[in-house]
Protein backbone atom coordinates (compact mmCIF):
# COMPACT_ATOMS: atom_id res chain seq x y z
CA UNK A 1 -28.50 21.78 3.08
CA UNK A 2 -26.64 19.14 0.80
CA UNK A 3 -24.40 16.97 3.06
CA UNK A 4 -20.90 17.03 1.08
CA UNK A 5 -17.95 14.45 1.15
CA UNK A 6 -15.28 14.89 3.53
CA UNK A 7 -12.15 16.55 1.97
CA UNK A 8 -9.23 15.21 3.39
CA UNK A 9 -7.44 17.85 5.31
CA UNK A 10 -3.71 16.56 5.24
CA UNK A 11 -1.34 15.46 3.16
CA UNK A 12 -0.76 11.80 2.95
CA UNK A 13 2.01 10.08 4.76
CA UNK A 14 3.91 7.42 2.33
CA UNK A 15 6.56 5.14 3.81
CA UNK A 16 9.97 3.48 1.89
CA UNK A 17 7.77 0.23 2.10
CA UNK A 18 4.87 1.78 0.21
CA UNK A 19 6.95 3.07 -2.33
CA UNK A 20 8.68 -0.15 -2.63
CA UNK A 21 5.88 -1.97 -3.08
CA UNK A 22 3.88 0.55 -5.68
CA UNK A 23 6.99 0.06 -7.45
CA UNK A 24 7.01 -3.76 -7.53
CA UNK A 25 3.69 -3.29 -8.78
CA UNK A 26 4.51 -1.46 -11.84
CA UNK A 27 7.77 -4.17 -12.27
CA UNK A 28 5.21 -6.90 -12.47
CA UNK A 29 2.85 -5.03 -15.04
CA UNK A 30 6.08 -4.80 -17.27
CA UNK A 31 6.72 -1.29 -16.67
CA UNK A 32 10.25 -1.00 -16.26
CA UNK A 33 11.05 1.51 -18.60
CA UNK A 34 8.58 3.47 -17.45
CA UNK A 35 9.92 3.23 -14.17
CA UNK A 36 13.39 3.72 -15.01
CA UNK A 37 12.29 7.05 -16.23
CA UNK A 38 10.70 7.96 -13.10
CA UNK A 39 13.72 7.67 -11.47
CA UNK A 40 15.35 9.33 -14.09
CA UNK A 41 13.11 12.63 -13.61
CA UNK A 42 13.65 12.40 -9.72
CA UNK A 43 17.22 12.26 -10.24
CA UNK A 44 17.98 8.96 -8.72
CA UNK A 45 19.01 5.47 -10.27
CA UNK A 46 17.61 3.44 -7.27
CA UNK A 47 14.54 3.60 -5.33
CA UNK A 48 16.69 4.00 -1.67
CA UNK A 49 17.91 7.19 -3.27
CA UNK A 50 14.67 9.07 -3.36
CA UNK A 51 14.50 11.40 0.09
CA UNK A 52 11.48 10.84 2.33
CA UNK A 53 10.36 14.48 1.49
CA UNK A 54 10.30 13.38 -2.43
CA UNK A 55 7.63 10.25 -1.77
CA UNK A 56 4.46 12.15 -1.92
CA UNK A 57 5.44 13.68 -5.66
CA UNK A 58 6.79 10.37 -6.41
CA UNK A 59 3.66 8.09 -5.24
CA UNK A 60 1.49 10.88 -7.53
CA UNK A 61 3.82 9.55 -10.40
CA UNK A 62 3.40 5.82 -9.21
CA UNK A 63 -0.31 6.32 -9.82
CA UNK A 64 0.08 7.82 -13.13
CA UNK A 65 1.45 4.61 -14.13
CA UNK A 66 -1.53 2.73 -12.44
CA UNK A 67 0.12 1.44 -9.14
CA UNK A 68 -2.26 1.17 -6.73
CA UNK A 69 -0.40 3.93 -3.24
C-alpha cells in the first residue's frame, strides 16, 4: 500500500496581523492598484474594515497576487 501525503482536515485560521503583513508584501512589490481592486471586491476601503469571517477568502486572493500567507 502506498503512503499518501496527509491532507489537512481543518481550515487555516488567519489573523488580522497575517492579512496586514501579506498586504504590506503586495505593496512592497508595487501591487497597490491590484490590492485596491481586491479591497473593492470585498466592499471595503481599508483592511481594518475586513470582517474576520472574510479572512480566508481574502488570504486566498492575496496568494493569487503572490503574497506568502
